[in-house]
């Protein structure tokens, strides 16, 4: 048995100056600015071909935990 955070699995993708979290089937959960590379306007190059992708667990208190 291993420890596992409570919540729903999702992915968080930052690109082009914005960050989005999506469910396993692709439905959008949230759009938000973040400190991830290219995750906020005015941060880095904001090149739409550069991505940061994280496998996460979303907890209902609007917290994303990276797996």
C-alpha atoms as a PDB file:
ATOM      1  CA  UNK A   1       0.000   0.000   0.000  1.00  0.00           C
ATOM      2  CA  UNK A   2       1.243   3.497  -0.822  1.00  0.00           C
ATOM      3  CA  UNK A   3       0.169   6.990   0.158  1.00  0.00           C
ATOM      4  CA  UNK A   4      -1.978   8.805  -2.366  1.00  0.00           C
ATOM      5  CA  UNK A   5      -3.359  12.352  -2.122  1.00  0.00           C
ATOM      6  CA  UNK A   6      -7.143  12.666  -2.102  1.00  0.00           C
ATOM      7  CA  UNK A   7      -8.634  14.313  -5.180  1.00  0.00           C
ATOM      8  CA  UNK A   8      -9.135  13.933  -8.911  1.00  0.00           C
ATOM      9  CA  UNK A   9      -6.328  13.266 -11.381  1.00  0.00           C
ATOM     10  CA  UNK A  10      -5.722  16.036 -13.929  1.00  0.00           C
ATOM     11  CA  UNK A  11      -3.045  17.586 -16.086  1.00  0.00           C
ATOM     12  CA  UNK A  12      -1.831  21.167 -15.836  1.00  0.00           C
ATOM     13  CA  UNK A  13      -0.473  22.751 -19.020  1.00  0.00           C
ATOM     14  CA  UNK A  14       1.161  26.165 -19.284  1.00  0.00           C
ATOM     15  CA  UNK A  15       1.818  27.780 -22.655  1.00  0.00           C
ATOM     16  CA  UNK A  16       1.473  31.128 -24.356  1.00  0.00           C
ATOM     17  CA  UNK A  17       1.106  33.096 -21.115  1.00  0.00           C
ATOM     18  CA  UNK A  18      -1.683  31.082 -19.487  1.00  0.00           C
ATOM     19  CA  UNK A  19      -2.137  27.909 -17.506  1.00  0.00           C
ATOM     20  CA  UNK A  20      -5.045  25.478 -17.752  1.00  0.00           C
ATOM     21  CA  UNK A  21      -5.955  22.374 -15.775  1.00  0.00           C
ATOM     22  CA  UNK A  22      -7.909  19.594 -17.486  1.00  0.00           C
ATOM     23  CA  UNK A  23      -9.622  16.401 -16.378  1.00  0.00           C
ATOM     24  CA  UNK A  24      -8.596  13.000 -17.725  1.00  0.00           C
ATOM     25  CA  UNK A  25     -11.153  13.297 -20.550  1.00  0.00           C
ATOM     26  CA  UNK A  26      -9.930  16.790 -21.559  1.00  0.00           C
ATOM     27  CA  UNK A  27     -12.612  18.966 -19.932  1.00  0.00           C
ATOM     28  CA  UNK A  28     -11.270  22.303 -18.669  1.00  0.00           C
ATOM     29  CA  UNK A  29     -11.257  22.688 -14.875  1.00  0.00           C
ATOM     30  CA  UNK A  30      -9.574  26.106 -14.494  1.00  0.00           C
ATOM     31  CA  UNK A  31      -7.622  28.819 -16.257  1.00  0.00           C
ATOM     32  CA  UNK A  32      -5.162  30.618 -13.997  1.00  0.00           C
ATOM     33  CA  UNK A  33      -1.818  32.466 -14.043  1.00  0.00           C
ATOM     34  CA  UNK A  34       1.066  30.451 -12.625  1.00  0.00           C
ATOM     35  CA  UNK A  35       4.804  30.534 -11.988  1.00  0.00           C
ATOM     36  CA  UNK A  36       5.300  27.645 -14.431  1.00  0.00           C
ATOM     37  CA  UNK A  37       7.361  28.387 -17.559  1.00  0.00           C
ATOM     38  CA  UNK A  38       5.140  30.397 -19.976  1.00  0.00           C
ATOM     39  CA  UNK A  39       2.320  30.199 -17.415  1.00  0.00           C
ATOM     40  CA  UNK A  40       1.623  33.919 -17.038  1.00  0.00           C
ATOM     41  CA  UNK A  41       1.639  36.957 -19.320  1.00  0.00           C
ATOM     42  CA  UNK A  42       4.901  38.836 -19.375  1.00  0.00           C
ATOM     43  CA  UNK A  43       6.811  35.759 -18.244  1.00  0.00           C
ATOM     44  CA  UNK A  44       9.490  34.331 -20.508  1.00  0.00           C
ATOM     45  CA  UNK A  45       9.040  34.194 -24.269  1.00  0.00           C
ATOM     46  CA  UNK A  46       5.324  33.205 -24.251  1.00  0.00           C
ATOM     47  CA  UNK A  47       6.069  31.167 -27.364  1.00  0.00           C
ATOM     48  CA  UNK A  48       2.984  29.061 -28.156  1.00  0.00           C
ATOM     49  CA  UNK A  49       5.268  26.156 -29.125  1.00  0.00           C
ATOM     50  CA  UNK A  50       6.779  25.862 -25.629  1.00  0.00           C
ATOM     51  CA  UNK A  51       4.838  23.900 -23.014  1.00  0.00           C
ATOM     52  CA  UNK A  52       5.130  22.828 -19.412  1.00  0.00           C
ATOM     53  CA  UNK A  53       2.945  19.781 -18.637  1.00  0.00           C
ATOM     54  CA  UNK A  54       2.396  18.348 -15.152  1.00  0.00           C
ATOM     55  CA  UNK A  55       0.513  15.246 -14.026  1.00  0.00           C
ATOM     56  CA  UNK A  56      -1.425  16.413 -10.946  1.00  0.00           C
ATOM     57  CA  UNK A  57      -4.118  15.655  -8.408  1.00  0.00           C
ATOM     58  CA  UNK A  58      -6.733  18.390  -7.939  1.00  0.00           C
ATOM     59  CA  UNK A  59      -8.012  18.819  -4.399  1.00  0.00           C
ATOM     60  CA  UNK A  60     -11.392  20.543  -4.021  1.00  0.00           C
ATOM     61  CA  UNK A  61      -9.834  23.448  -2.095  1.00  0.00           C
ATOM     62  CA  UNK A  62      -8.358  24.622  -5.467  1.00  0.00           C
ATOM     63  CA  UNK A  63      -4.967  23.097  -4.852  1.00  0.00           C
ATOM     64  CA  UNK A  64      -3.043  21.238  -7.557  1.00  0.00           C
ATOM     65  CA  UNK A  65      -0.523  18.689  -6.304  1.00  0.00           C
ATOM     66  CA  UNK A  66       2.136  17.520  -8.788  1.00  0.00           C
ATOM     67  CA  UNK A  67       2.524  13.747  -8.949  1.00  0.00           C
END
